[in-house]
């Protein structure tokens, strides 16, 4: 499988690891404040999880296609600043040790790479864990429906089932909306996104993509 869709590897000096940023939240906050002018710590943490969620979706894609997972943890995932507008965070693996697995691989990925970071941000950034999980879920759902065209492995992620709200994955994607607000509206220059539960009937046509 072509892993360039999620590796996000670029040359450049690492500015920390995912675990370091979750442990030392001031590092995350300083970067967010500099690049997207966020002054709210929960919003900064949520914007970070939006970026990290896409990276995690890529790992689940490899698992689904190959039944292999990366054998590392969040302290072995480097953060590199890319180029471009907004907050161009990229993620780079410190090693390429992949191992074969069965269906348990999905839970291993989430328990190693996602949950520790979610819990750290819940405690240190006061970001509700449900927001972090839904930030990941949006990319995971998109990946299963549009990239893999196979949603069977979504059943291996019981922690995400609540976000389907009783719908099939295809219907949830076609009528996508969130249960939680990701705090995108707290980023200067942005408004509620089109999927925000706080949006009501208002359209958000002026929000910029970050």
N, C-alpha and C. Protein backbone atom coordinates (compact mmCIF):
# COMPACT_ATOMS: atom_id res chain seq x y z
N UNK A 1 0.85 -1.20 0.00
CA UNK A 1 0.00 0.00 0.00
C UNK A 1 0.88 1.24 0.00
N UNK A 2 0.50 2.25 -0.77
CA UNK A 2 1.23 3.51 -0.81
C UNK A 2 0.99 4.27 0.49
N UNK A 3 2.04 4.41 1.29
CA UNK A 3 1.88 5.02 2.60
C UNK A 3 2.14 6.51 2.59
N UNK A 4 2.39 7.09 1.44
CA UNK A 4 2.65 8.53 1.39
C UNK A 4 1.41 9.33 1.76
N UNK A 5 0.24 8.71 1.68
CA UNK A 5 -1.00 9.42 2.00
C UNK A 5 -1.07 9.81 3.47
N UNK A 6 -0.27 9.15 4.32
CA UNK A 6 -0.38 9.46 5.73
C UNK A 6 0.95 9.68 6.42
N UNK A 7 2.05 9.33 5.79
CA UNK A 7 3.33 9.42 6.47
C UNK A 7 3.70 10.86 6.80
N UNK A 8 3.34 11.79 5.88
CA UNK A 8 3.58 13.21 6.10
C UNK A 8 5.05 13.50 6.42
N UNK A 9 5.93 12.63 5.94
CA UNK A 9 7.35 12.79 6.26
C UNK A 9 7.96 13.90 5.43
N UNK A 10 8.71 14.75 6.07
CA UNK A 10 9.44 15.80 5.38
C UNK A 10 10.80 15.94 6.04
N UNK A 11 11.76 16.41 5.25
CA UNK A 11 13.04 16.74 5.85
C UNK A 11 12.84 17.94 6.76
N UNK A 12 13.64 18.03 7.74
CA UNK A 12 13.53 19.16 8.65
C UNK A 12 13.74 18.72 10.08
N UNK A 13 13.99 19.68 10.92
CA UNK A 13 14.26 19.41 12.32
C UNK A 13 12.95 19.16 13.07
N UNK A 14 12.94 18.09 13.85
CA UNK A 14 11.77 17.81 14.67
C UNK A 14 11.65 18.89 15.75
N UNK A 15 10.42 19.32 16.01
CA UNK A 15 10.18 20.33 17.04
C UNK A 15 9.52 19.70 18.27
N UNK A 16 9.68 18.39 18.38
CA UNK A 16 9.12 17.65 19.50
C UNK A 16 8.49 16.37 19.02
N UNK A 17 7.95 15.62 19.94
CA UNK A 17 7.17 14.44 19.59
C UNK A 17 5.73 14.67 20.03
N UNK A 18 4.85 13.83 19.54
CA UNK A 18 3.43 13.96 19.91
C UNK A 18 3.27 13.84 21.43
N UNK A 19 3.98 12.89 22.03
CA UNK A 19 3.87 12.73 23.48
C UNK A 19 4.43 13.93 24.22
N UNK A 20 5.54 14.48 23.76
CA UNK A 20 6.11 15.66 24.41
C UNK A 20 5.15 16.83 24.39
N UNK A 21 4.48 17.03 23.26
CA UNK A 21 3.54 18.15 23.16
C UNK A 21 2.33 17.93 24.06
N UNK A 22 1.92 16.66 24.22
CA UNK A 22 0.79 16.39 25.11
C UNK A 22 1.21 16.51 26.57
N UNK A 23 2.45 16.11 26.87
CA UNK A 23 2.95 16.21 28.24
C UNK A 23 3.23 17.66 28.63
N UNK A 24 3.84 18.39 27.71
CA UNK A 24 4.24 19.77 27.97
C UNK A 24 3.37 20.68 27.08
N UNK A 25 2.18 20.90 27.54
CA UNK A 25 1.15 21.52 26.71
C UNK A 25 1.53 22.93 26.26
N UNK A 26 2.45 23.56 26.99
CA UNK A 26 2.86 24.90 26.60
C UNK A 26 3.58 24.91 25.25
N UNK A 27 4.21 23.80 24.87
CA UNK A 27 4.85 23.71 23.56
C UNK A 27 3.79 23.75 22.46
N UNK A 28 2.74 22.99 22.64
CA UNK A 28 1.64 22.98 21.68
C UNK A 28 0.99 24.35 21.61
N UNK A 29 0.74 24.95 22.76
CA UNK A 29 0.07 26.24 22.81
C UNK A 29 0.89 27.32 22.15
N UNK A 30 2.20 27.34 22.39
CA UNK A 30 3.06 28.37 21.81
C UNK A 30 3.05 28.29 20.29
N UNK A 31 3.09 27.07 19.75
CA UNK A 31 3.08 26.91 18.30
C UNK A 31 1.74 27.34 17.70
N UNK A 32 0.64 26.96 18.35
CA UNK A 32 -0.68 27.32 17.85
C UNK A 32 -0.89 28.83 17.91
N UNK A 33 -0.43 29.44 18.99
CA UNK A 33 -0.60 30.88 19.13
C UNK A 33 0.20 31.63 18.08
N UNK A 34 1.38 31.14 17.77
CA UNK A 34 2.22 31.80 16.77
C UNK A 34 1.66 31.67 15.37
N UNK A 35 1.16 30.47 15.02
CA UNK A 35 0.78 30.20 13.63
C UNK A 35 -0.69 30.46 13.31
N UNK A 36 -1.59 30.24 14.27
CA UNK A 36 -3.01 30.47 13.97
C UNK A 36 -3.65 31.45 14.97
N UNK A 37 -2.80 32.05 15.81
CA UNK A 37 -3.23 33.13 16.71
C UNK A 37 -4.31 32.69 17.70
N UNK A 38 -4.31 31.42 18.03
CA UNK A 38 -5.27 30.91 19.00
C UNK A 38 -4.82 31.28 20.41
N UNK A 39 -5.75 31.74 21.21
CA UNK A 39 -5.44 32.07 22.60
C UNK A 39 -6.14 31.12 23.57
N UNK A 40 -7.00 30.27 23.06
CA UNK A 40 -7.72 29.30 23.87
C UNK A 40 -6.96 27.97 23.86
N UNK A 41 -6.57 27.48 25.03
CA UNK A 41 -5.84 26.22 25.10
C UNK A 41 -6.67 25.04 24.62
N UNK A 42 -7.95 24.91 25.00
CA UNK A 42 -8.74 23.80 24.47
C UNK A 42 -8.85 23.84 22.95
N UNK A 43 -9.02 25.04 22.37
CA UNK A 43 -9.12 25.15 20.91
C UNK A 43 -7.81 24.75 20.25
N UNK A 44 -6.68 25.16 20.81
CA UNK A 44 -5.38 24.79 20.25
C UNK A 44 -5.21 23.27 20.28
N UNK A 45 -5.59 22.65 21.39
CA UNK A 45 -5.48 21.19 21.50
C UNK A 45 -6.39 20.49 20.50
N UNK A 46 -7.58 21.03 20.28
CA UNK A 46 -8.50 20.43 19.33
C UNK A 46 -7.99 20.54 17.90
N UNK A 47 -7.41 21.70 17.55
CA UNK A 47 -6.86 21.86 16.21
C UNK A 47 -5.68 20.89 16.00
N UNK A 48 -4.92 20.65 17.06
CA UNK A 48 -3.85 19.66 16.98
C UNK A 48 -4.43 18.27 16.71
N UNK A 49 -5.49 17.92 17.42
CA UNK A 49 -6.08 16.59 17.24
C UNK A 49 -6.71 16.43 15.87
N UNK A 50 -7.17 17.51 15.27
CA UNK A 50 -7.67 17.42 13.90
C UNK A 50 -6.55 16.97 12.96
N UNK A 51 -5.37 17.53 13.14
CA UNK A 51 -4.24 17.15 12.28
C UNK A 51 -3.75 15.75 12.59
N UNK A 52 -3.65 15.45 13.87
CA UNK A 52 -3.19 14.12 14.27
C UNK A 52 -4.20 13.05 13.87
N UNK A 53 -5.48 13.40 13.85
CA UNK A 53 -6.52 12.44 13.47
C UNK A 53 -6.35 11.94 12.05
N UNK A 54 -5.95 12.81 11.13
CA UNK A 54 -5.72 12.38 9.75
C UNK A 54 -4.55 11.41 9.69
N UNK A 55 -3.51 11.67 10.43
CA UNK A 55 -2.36 10.78 10.52
C UNK A 55 -2.78 9.40 11.04
N UNK A 56 -3.61 9.38 12.08
CA UNK A 56 -4.07 8.11 12.64
C UNK A 56 -4.96 7.36 11.66
N UNK A 57 -5.76 8.08 10.89
CA UNK A 57 -6.60 7.42 9.88
C UNK A 57 -5.73 6.68 8.88
N UNK A 58 -4.59 7.24 8.53
CA UNK A 58 -3.68 6.57 7.62
C UNK A 58 -3.15 5.26 8.20
N UNK A 59 -2.85 5.26 9.49
CA UNK A 59 -2.40 4.02 10.13
C UNK A 59 -3.50 2.95 10.08
N UNK A 60 -4.72 3.36 10.31
CA UNK A 60 -5.83 2.41 10.24
C UNK A 60 -6.04 1.92 8.82
N UNK A 61 -5.73 2.74 7.83
CA UNK A 61 -5.84 2.31 6.44
C UNK A 61 -4.84 1.19 6.15
N UNK A 62 -3.61 1.36 6.61
CA UNK A 62 -2.61 0.31 6.42
C UNK A 62 -3.04 -0.97 7.13
N UNK A 63 -3.53 -0.83 8.35
CA UNK A 63 -4.02 -2.00 9.09
C UNK A 63 -5.10 -2.73 8.29
N UNK A 64 -6.06 -1.99 7.75
CA UNK A 64 -7.16 -2.61 7.03
C UNK A 64 -6.70 -3.31 5.75
N UNK A 65 -5.74 -2.73 5.06
CA UNK A 65 -5.27 -3.29 3.80
C UNK A 65 -4.26 -4.42 3.99
N UNK A 66 -3.44 -4.33 5.02
CA UNK A 66 -2.30 -5.25 5.15
C UNK A 66 -2.31 -6.09 6.41
N UNK A 67 -3.19 -5.77 7.36
CA UNK A 67 -3.15 -6.39 8.69
C UNK A 67 -1.74 -6.32 9.26
N UNK A 68 -1.21 -5.10 9.19
CA UNK A 68 0.07 -4.75 9.79
C UNK A 68 -0.08 -3.42 10.50
N UNK A 69 0.61 -3.27 11.62
CA UNK A 69 0.58 -2.00 12.33
C UNK A 69 2.00 -1.56 12.64
N UNK A 70 2.15 -0.25 12.80
CA UNK A 70 3.44 0.31 13.18
C UNK A 70 3.68 0.01 14.65
N UNK A 71 4.85 -0.52 14.96
CA UNK A 71 5.16 -0.98 16.31
C UNK A 71 5.90 0.11 17.09
N UNK A 72 5.17 1.14 17.45
CA UNK A 72 5.76 2.26 18.18
C UNK A 72 4.71 2.97 19.00
N UNK A 73 5.11 4.03 19.68
CA UNK A 73 4.16 4.79 20.47
C UNK A 73 4.30 6.28 20.15
N UNK A 74 3.52 7.09 20.84
CA UNK A 74 3.44 8.51 20.50
C UNK A 74 4.72 9.28 20.80
N UNK A 75 5.61 8.69 21.59
CA UNK A 75 6.90 9.35 21.84
C UNK A 75 7.89 9.08 20.72
N UNK A 76 7.49 8.25 19.76
CA UNK A 76 8.33 7.94 18.61
C UNK A 76 7.76 8.52 17.32
N UNK A 77 6.84 9.46 17.47
CA UNK A 77 6.28 10.18 16.34
C UNK A 77 6.72 11.63 16.45
N UNK A 78 7.57 12.06 15.53
CA UNK A 78 8.10 13.41 15.56
C UNK A 78 7.14 14.39 14.90
N UNK A 79 7.17 15.61 15.38
CA UNK A 79 6.41 16.70 14.78
C UNK A 79 7.38 17.58 14.01
N UNK A 80 7.04 17.85 12.76
CA UNK A 80 7.87 18.68 11.89
C UNK A 80 6.98 19.79 11.34
N UNK A 81 7.48 21.00 11.28
CA UNK A 81 6.71 22.10 10.73
C UNK A 81 6.92 22.15 9.23
N UNK A 82 5.83 22.01 8.48
CA UNK A 82 5.90 22.06 7.03
C UNK A 82 5.82 23.50 6.54
N UNK A 83 5.46 23.63 5.28
CA UNK A 83 5.30 24.96 4.69
C UNK A 83 3.83 25.19 4.37
N UNK A 84 3.49 26.44 4.14
CA UNK A 84 2.12 26.76 3.79
C UNK A 84 1.44 27.57 4.88
N UNK A 85 0.20 27.95 4.58
CA UNK A 85 -0.58 28.77 5.49
C UNK A 85 -1.13 27.94 6.64
N UNK A 86 -1.67 28.64 7.60
CA UNK A 86 -2.30 27.95 8.72
C UNK A 86 -1.26 27.37 9.66
N UNK A 87 -1.50 26.18 10.10
CA UNK A 87 -0.63 25.50 11.07
C UNK A 87 -0.17 24.20 10.43
N UNK A 88 0.87 24.24 9.59
CA UNK A 88 1.24 23.07 8.77
C UNK A 88 2.05 22.03 9.53
N UNK A 89 1.42 21.40 10.51
CA UNK A 89 2.10 20.36 11.27
C UNK A 89 2.16 19.07 10.47
N UNK A 90 3.32 18.44 10.48
CA UNK A 90 3.53 17.16 9.83
C UNK A 90 4.04 16.18 10.87
N UNK A 91 3.85 14.90 10.60
CA UNK A 91 4.24 13.87 11.54
C UNK A 91 5.19 12.89 10.87
N UNK A 92 6.22 12.49 11.59
CA UNK A 92 7.26 11.63 11.01
C UNK A 92 7.60 10.52 12.01
N UNK A 93 7.61 9.29 11.51
CA UNK A 93 7.94 8.14 12.34
C UNK A 93 9.44 8.07 12.58
N UNK A 94 9.83 7.76 13.81
CA UNK A 94 11.26 7.64 14.11
C UNK A 94 11.85 6.34 13.57
N UNK A 95 11.01 5.37 13.29
CA UNK A 95 11.50 4.09 12.76
C UNK A 95 10.42 3.46 11.90
N UNK A 96 10.78 2.43 11.17
CA UNK A 96 9.84 1.77 10.27
C UNK A 96 9.68 0.30 10.66
N UNK A 97 9.39 0.09 11.93
CA UNK A 97 9.18 -1.27 12.43
C UNK A 97 7.68 -1.59 12.41
N UNK A 98 7.27 -2.36 11.41
CA UNK A 98 5.88 -2.75 11.26
C UNK A 98 5.74 -4.23 11.58
N UNK A 99 4.65 -4.60 12.23
CA UNK A 99 4.44 -6.00 12.61
C UNK A 99 3.08 -6.48 12.11
N UNK A 100 3.01 -7.77 11.81
CA UNK A 100 1.75 -8.38 11.39
C UNK A 100 0.83 -8.55 12.60
N UNK A 101 -0.47 -8.51 12.34
CA UNK A 101 -1.43 -8.63 13.43
C UNK A 101 -2.75 -9.17 12.90
N UNK A 102 -3.65 -9.49 13.80
CA UNK A 102 -5.01 -9.85 13.44
C UNK A 102 -5.94 -8.68 13.70
N UNK A 103 -7.20 -8.97 13.93
CA UNK A 103 -8.18 -7.90 14.15
C UNK A 103 -7.85 -7.04 15.37
N UNK A 104 -7.06 -7.59 16.28
CA UNK A 104 -6.72 -6.83 17.48
C UNK A 104 -5.86 -5.60 17.17
N UNK A 105 -5.32 -5.54 15.96
CA UNK A 105 -4.45 -4.43 15.59
C UNK A 105 -5.14 -3.08 15.67
N UNK A 106 -6.43 -3.01 15.37
CA UNK A 106 -7.14 -1.73 15.43
C UNK A 106 -7.15 -1.19 16.85
N UNK A 107 -7.45 -2.06 17.81
CA UNK A 107 -7.47 -1.63 19.21
C UNK A 107 -6.07 -1.27 19.68
N UNK A 108 -5.06 -2.01 19.23
CA UNK A 108 -3.68 -1.70 19.62
C UNK A 108 -3.28 -0.31 19.13
N UNK A 109 -3.65 0.01 17.90
CA UNK A 109 -3.31 1.33 17.36
C UNK A 109 -3.93 2.45 18.19
N UNK A 110 -5.21 2.30 18.48
CA UNK A 110 -5.91 3.33 19.23
C UNK A 110 -5.35 3.44 20.65
N UNK A 111 -5.10 2.29 21.29
CA UNK A 111 -4.63 2.31 22.67
C UNK A 111 -3.20 2.84 22.78
N UNK A 112 -2.38 2.66 21.75
CA UNK A 112 -1.00 3.13 21.80
C UNK A 112 -0.84 4.57 21.32
N UNK A 113 -1.52 4.91 20.24
CA UNK A 113 -1.26 6.19 19.58
C UNK A 113 -2.30 7.26 19.86
N UNK A 114 -3.52 6.86 20.16
CA UNK A 114 -4.60 7.85 20.32
C UNK A 114 -4.97 8.10 21.77
N UNK A 115 -5.36 7.06 22.49
CA UNK A 115 -5.93 7.26 23.82
C UNK A 115 -5.00 7.96 24.81
N UNK A 116 -3.70 7.63 24.85
CA UNK A 116 -2.85 8.38 25.79
C UNK A 116 -2.83 9.87 25.51
N UNK A 117 -2.85 10.25 24.24
CA UNK A 117 -2.83 11.67 23.88
C UNK A 117 -4.18 12.32 24.21
N UNK A 118 -5.25 11.61 23.92
CA UNK A 118 -6.59 12.12 24.24
C UNK A 118 -6.71 12.40 25.74
N UNK A 119 -6.23 11.47 26.56
CA UNK A 119 -6.34 11.63 28.01
C UNK A 119 -5.44 12.74 28.52
N UNK A 120 -4.24 12.87 27.96
CA UNK A 120 -3.35 13.96 28.35
C UNK A 120 -3.99 15.32 28.04
N UNK A 121 -4.55 15.45 26.84
CA UNK A 121 -5.14 16.72 26.45
C UNK A 121 -6.41 17.02 27.25
N UNK A 122 -7.11 15.98 27.63
CA UNK A 122 -8.29 16.18 28.48
C UNK A 122 -7.89 16.75 29.83
N UNK A 123 -6.78 16.26 30.36
CA UNK A 123 -6.33 16.70 31.68
C UNK A 123 -5.60 18.04 31.62
N UNK A 124 -4.69 18.20 30.67
CA UNK A 124 -3.80 19.35 30.67
C UNK A 124 -4.29 20.52 29.85
N UNK A 125 -5.15 20.25 28.86
CA UNK A 125 -5.68 21.33 28.03
C UNK A 125 -7.17 21.54 28.26
N UNK A 126 -7.77 20.72 29.13
CA UNK A 126 -9.21 20.81 29.42
C UNK A 126 -10.05 20.63 28.16
N UNK A 127 -9.53 19.78 27.24
CA UNK A 127 -10.28 19.47 26.02
C UNK A 127 -11.06 18.18 26.26
N UNK A 128 -12.39 18.21 26.22
CA UNK A 128 -13.15 16.99 26.46
C UNK A 128 -12.71 15.85 25.54
N UNK A 129 -12.56 14.68 26.11
CA UNK A 129 -12.09 13.52 25.33
C UNK A 129 -13.02 13.23 24.15
N UNK A 130 -14.29 13.50 24.32
CA UNK A 130 -15.24 13.22 23.24
C UNK A 130 -14.95 14.07 22.01
N UNK A 131 -14.50 15.31 22.21
CA UNK A 131 -14.15 16.16 21.06
C UNK A 131 -12.95 15.57 20.34
N UNK A 132 -11.93 15.16 21.09
CA UNK A 132 -10.75 14.56 20.46
C UNK A 132 -11.11 13.31 19.66
N UNK A 133 -11.95 12.47 20.25
CA UNK A 133 -12.32 11.22 19.56
C UNK A 133 -13.13 11.53 18.30
N UNK A 134 -14.00 12.52 18.36
CA UNK A 134 -14.77 12.84 17.17
C UNK A 134 -13.90 13.50 16.10
N UNK A 135 -12.86 14.24 16.52
CA UNK A 135 -11.91 14.79 15.55
C UNK A 135 -11.25 13.66 14.77
N UNK A 136 -10.89 12.59 15.45
CA UNK A 136 -10.29 11.42 14.79
C UNK A 136 -11.34 10.72 13.94
N UNK A 137 -12.52 10.54 14.49
CA UNK A 137 -13.58 9.78 13.81
C UNK A 137 -13.90 10.35 12.44
N UNK A 138 -13.96 11.66 12.31
CA UNK A 138 -14.32 12.25 11.02
C UNK A 138 -13.39 11.80 9.91
N UNK A 139 -12.09 11.78 10.18
CA UNK A 139 -11.13 11.32 9.17
C UNK A 139 -11.19 9.82 8.97
N UNK A 140 -11.40 9.07 10.06
CA UNK A 140 -11.49 7.61 9.95
C UNK A 140 -12.69 7.21 9.10
N UNK A 141 -13.83 7.85 9.33
CA UNK A 141 -15.02 7.56 8.54
C UNK A 141 -14.78 7.87 7.07
N UNK A 142 -14.22 9.03 6.79
CA UNK A 142 -13.90 9.42 5.42
C UNK A 142 -12.97 8.41 4.76
N UNK A 143 -11.96 7.95 5.49
CA UNK A 143 -11.00 7.00 4.96
C UNK A 143 -11.67 5.68 4.60
N UNK A 144 -12.50 5.15 5.49
CA UNK A 144 -13.16 3.87 5.21
C UNK A 144 -14.13 3.98 4.04
N UNK A 145 -14.89 5.06 4.00
CA UNK A 145 -15.93 5.19 2.97
C UNK A 145 -15.35 5.58 1.62
N UNK A 146 -14.47 6.57 1.59
CA UNK A 146 -14.02 7.13 0.31
C UNK A 146 -12.68 6.60 -0.19
N UNK A 147 -11.78 6.22 0.70
CA UNK A 147 -10.46 5.75 0.28
C UNK A 147 -10.45 4.23 0.12
N UNK A 148 -10.89 3.52 1.14
CA UNK A 148 -10.86 2.06 1.08
C UNK A 148 -12.12 1.45 0.46
N UNK A 149 -13.22 2.20 0.49
CA UNK A 149 -14.51 1.66 0.03
C UNK A 149 -14.84 0.35 0.73
N UNK A 150 -14.50 0.26 2.00
CA UNK A 150 -14.73 -0.94 2.80
C UNK A 150 -14.83 -0.50 4.25
N UNK A 151 -15.99 -0.60 4.83
CA UNK A 151 -16.22 -0.07 6.18
C UNK A 151 -16.27 -1.16 7.25
N UNK A 152 -15.95 -2.40 6.89
CA UNK A 152 -16.12 -3.48 7.85
C UNK A 152 -15.27 -3.30 9.12
N UNK A 153 -14.07 -2.77 8.97
CA UNK A 153 -13.19 -2.65 10.13
C UNK A 153 -13.62 -1.55 11.10
N UNK A 154 -14.58 -0.72 10.71
CA UNK A 154 -15.08 0.28 11.64
C UNK A 154 -15.69 -0.38 12.87
N UNK A 155 -16.20 -1.60 12.69
CA UNK A 155 -16.79 -2.34 13.82
C UNK A 155 -15.75 -2.72 14.86
N UNK A 156 -14.46 -2.66 14.48
CA UNK A 156 -13.38 -2.98 15.42
C UNK A 156 -13.02 -1.78 16.30
N UNK A 157 -13.71 -0.67 16.12
CA UNK A 157 -13.44 0.56 16.87
C UNK A 157 -14.70 0.96 17.64
N UNK A 158 -15.04 0.19 18.68
CA UNK A 158 -16.30 0.45 19.39
C UNK A 158 -16.38 1.84 20.00
N UNK A 159 -15.24 2.43 20.32
CA UNK A 159 -15.26 3.76 20.91
C UNK A 159 -15.76 4.84 19.98
N UNK A 160 -15.86 4.53 18.68
CA UNK A 160 -16.30 5.51 17.69
C UNK A 160 -17.75 5.28 17.25
N UNK A 161 -18.36 4.18 17.68
CA UNK A 161 -19.68 3.82 17.17
C UNK A 161 -20.74 4.87 17.50
N UNK A 162 -20.61 5.54 18.64
CA UNK A 162 -21.62 6.52 19.05
C UNK A 162 -21.76 7.65 18.04
N UNK A 163 -20.67 7.94 17.32
CA UNK A 163 -20.70 9.05 16.37
C UNK A 163 -21.47 8.71 15.10
N UNK A 164 -21.75 7.43 14.88
CA UNK A 164 -22.58 7.04 13.73
C UNK A 164 -24.05 7.34 13.98
N UNK A 165 -24.42 7.40 15.25
CA UNK A 165 -25.80 7.69 15.65
C UNK A 165 -26.81 6.77 14.98
N UNK A 166 -26.46 5.48 14.95
CA UNK A 166 -27.37 4.48 14.42
C UNK A 166 -27.42 4.38 12.92
N UNK A 167 -26.63 5.18 12.22
CA UNK A 167 -26.61 5.15 10.75
C UNK A 167 -25.55 4.18 10.24
N UNK A 168 -25.67 3.80 8.99
CA UNK A 168 -24.59 3.07 8.35
C UNK A 168 -23.44 4.05 8.13
N UNK A 169 -22.21 3.56 8.01
CA UNK A 169 -21.10 4.48 7.74
C UNK A 169 -21.32 5.32 6.49
N UNK A 170 -21.88 4.72 5.45
CA UNK A 170 -22.11 5.47 4.21
C UNK A 170 -23.11 6.60 4.43
N UNK A 171 -24.18 6.31 5.17
CA UNK A 171 -25.18 7.35 5.44
C UNK A 171 -24.61 8.43 6.35
N UNK A 172 -23.81 8.01 7.34
CA UNK A 172 -23.20 8.99 8.25
C UNK A 172 -22.26 9.91 7.50
N UNK A 173 -21.56 9.38 6.48
CA UNK A 173 -20.67 10.21 5.69
C UNK A 173 -21.46 11.13 4.77
N UNK A 174 -22.50 10.60 4.16
CA UNK A 174 -23.30 11.40 3.23
C UNK A 174 -24.03 12.54 3.94
N UNK A 175 -24.38 12.33 5.20
CA UNK A 175 -25.11 13.34 5.96
C UNK A 175 -24.28 13.77 7.17
N UNK A 176 -23.01 14.00 6.93
CA UNK A 176 -22.09 14.18 8.05
C UNK A 176 -22.43 15.40 8.89
N UNK A 177 -22.49 15.17 10.18
CA UNK A 177 -22.61 16.26 11.16
C UNK A 177 -21.97 15.76 12.45
N UNK A 178 -21.60 16.70 13.30
CA UNK A 178 -20.90 16.35 14.51
C UNK A 178 -21.81 16.37 15.72
N UNK A 179 -21.45 15.57 16.73
CA UNK A 179 -22.11 15.64 18.03
C UNK A 179 -21.49 16.73 18.88
N UNK A 180 -20.20 16.98 18.66
CA UNK A 180 -19.47 17.97 19.46
C UNK A 180 -18.94 19.08 18.57
N UNK A 181 -18.73 20.24 19.16
CA UNK A 181 -18.07 21.34 18.46
C UNK A 181 -16.56 21.17 18.61
N UNK A 182 -15.83 21.22 17.51
CA UNK A 182 -14.38 21.02 17.55
C UNK A 182 -13.63 22.30 17.94
N UNK A 183 -14.35 23.39 18.20
CA UNK A 183 -13.79 24.68 18.61
C UNK A 183 -13.07 25.41 17.48
N UNK A 184 -13.30 24.98 16.27
CA UNK A 184 -12.78 25.69 15.09
C UNK A 184 -13.18 27.17 15.13
N UNK A 185 -14.37 27.43 15.66
CA UNK A 185 -14.88 28.80 15.73
C UNK A 185 -14.05 29.69 16.65
N UNK A 186 -13.19 29.09 17.48
CA UNK A 186 -12.35 29.87 18.38
C UNK A 186 -11.05 30.35 17.72
N UNK A 187 -10.81 29.88 16.50
CA UNK A 187 -9.62 30.30 15.76
C UNK A 187 -9.92 31.66 15.12
N UNK A 188 -9.10 32.68 15.36
CA UNK A 188 -9.35 34.00 14.77
C UNK A 188 -9.51 33.91 13.25
N UNK A 189 -10.57 34.55 12.75
CA UNK A 189 -10.85 34.54 11.32
C UNK A 189 -11.73 33.40 10.87
N UNK A 190 -12.07 32.50 11.79
CA UNK A 190 -12.91 31.35 11.45
C UNK A 190 -14.27 31.46 12.12
N UNK A 191 -15.20 30.70 11.59
CA UNK A 191 -16.54 30.63 12.17
C UNK A 191 -16.89 29.17 12.39
N UNK A 192 -18.11 28.93 12.82
CA UNK A 192 -18.54 27.55 12.96
C UNK A 192 -18.44 26.84 11.61
N UNK A 193 -17.95 25.59 11.64
CA UNK A 193 -17.85 24.84 10.38
C UNK A 193 -19.25 24.32 9.99
N UNK A 194 -19.42 23.86 8.76
CA UNK A 194 -20.74 23.42 8.30
C UNK A 194 -21.30 22.22 9.06
N UNK A 195 -20.44 21.51 9.81
CA UNK A 195 -20.89 20.31 10.52
C UNK A 195 -21.12 20.56 12.00
N UNK A 196 -20.98 21.80 12.44
CA UNK A 196 -21.02 22.13 13.86
C UNK A 196 -22.43 21.92 14.43
N UNK A 197 -22.54 21.27 15.59
CA UNK A 197 -23.87 21.10 16.20
C UNK A 197 -24.44 22.42 16.70
N UNK A 198 -23.61 23.46 16.80
CA UNK A 198 -24.07 24.77 17.24
C UNK A 198 -24.52 25.65 16.08
N UNK A 199 -24.42 25.13 14.88
CA UNK A 199 -24.63 25.97 13.70
C UNK A 199 -26.10 26.30 13.47
N UNK A 200 -26.97 25.36 13.74
CA UNK A 200 -28.38 25.57 13.43
C UNK A 200 -28.57 25.65 11.93
N UNK A 201 -29.28 26.67 11.46
CA UNK A 201 -29.55 26.81 10.04
C UNK A 201 -28.55 27.73 9.34
N UNK A 202 -27.61 28.26 10.10
CA UNK A 202 -26.68 29.21 9.52
C UNK A 202 -25.58 28.51 8.73
N UNK A 203 -25.29 28.99 7.54
CA UNK A 203 -24.19 28.46 6.76
C UNK A 203 -22.91 29.18 7.12
N UNK A 204 -21.79 28.47 7.02
CA UNK A 204 -20.50 29.05 7.34
C UNK A 204 -19.69 29.14 6.06
N UNK A 205 -19.92 30.17 5.27
CA UNK A 205 -19.29 30.28 3.97
C UNK A 205 -17.94 31.02 4.03
N UNK A 206 -17.67 31.68 5.16
CA UNK A 206 -16.47 32.49 5.22
C UNK A 206 -15.34 31.81 6.00
N UNK A 207 -15.61 30.65 6.57
CA UNK A 207 -14.55 29.98 7.35
C UNK A 207 -13.42 29.56 6.42
N UNK A 208 -12.20 29.85 6.86
CA UNK A 208 -11.05 29.45 6.05
C UNK A 208 -10.61 28.06 6.48
N UNK A 209 -9.97 27.34 5.62
CA UNK A 209 -9.48 26.01 5.93
C UNK A 209 -8.13 26.13 6.62
N UNK A 210 -7.99 25.44 7.76
CA UNK A 210 -6.71 25.48 8.45
C UNK A 210 -6.21 24.07 8.68
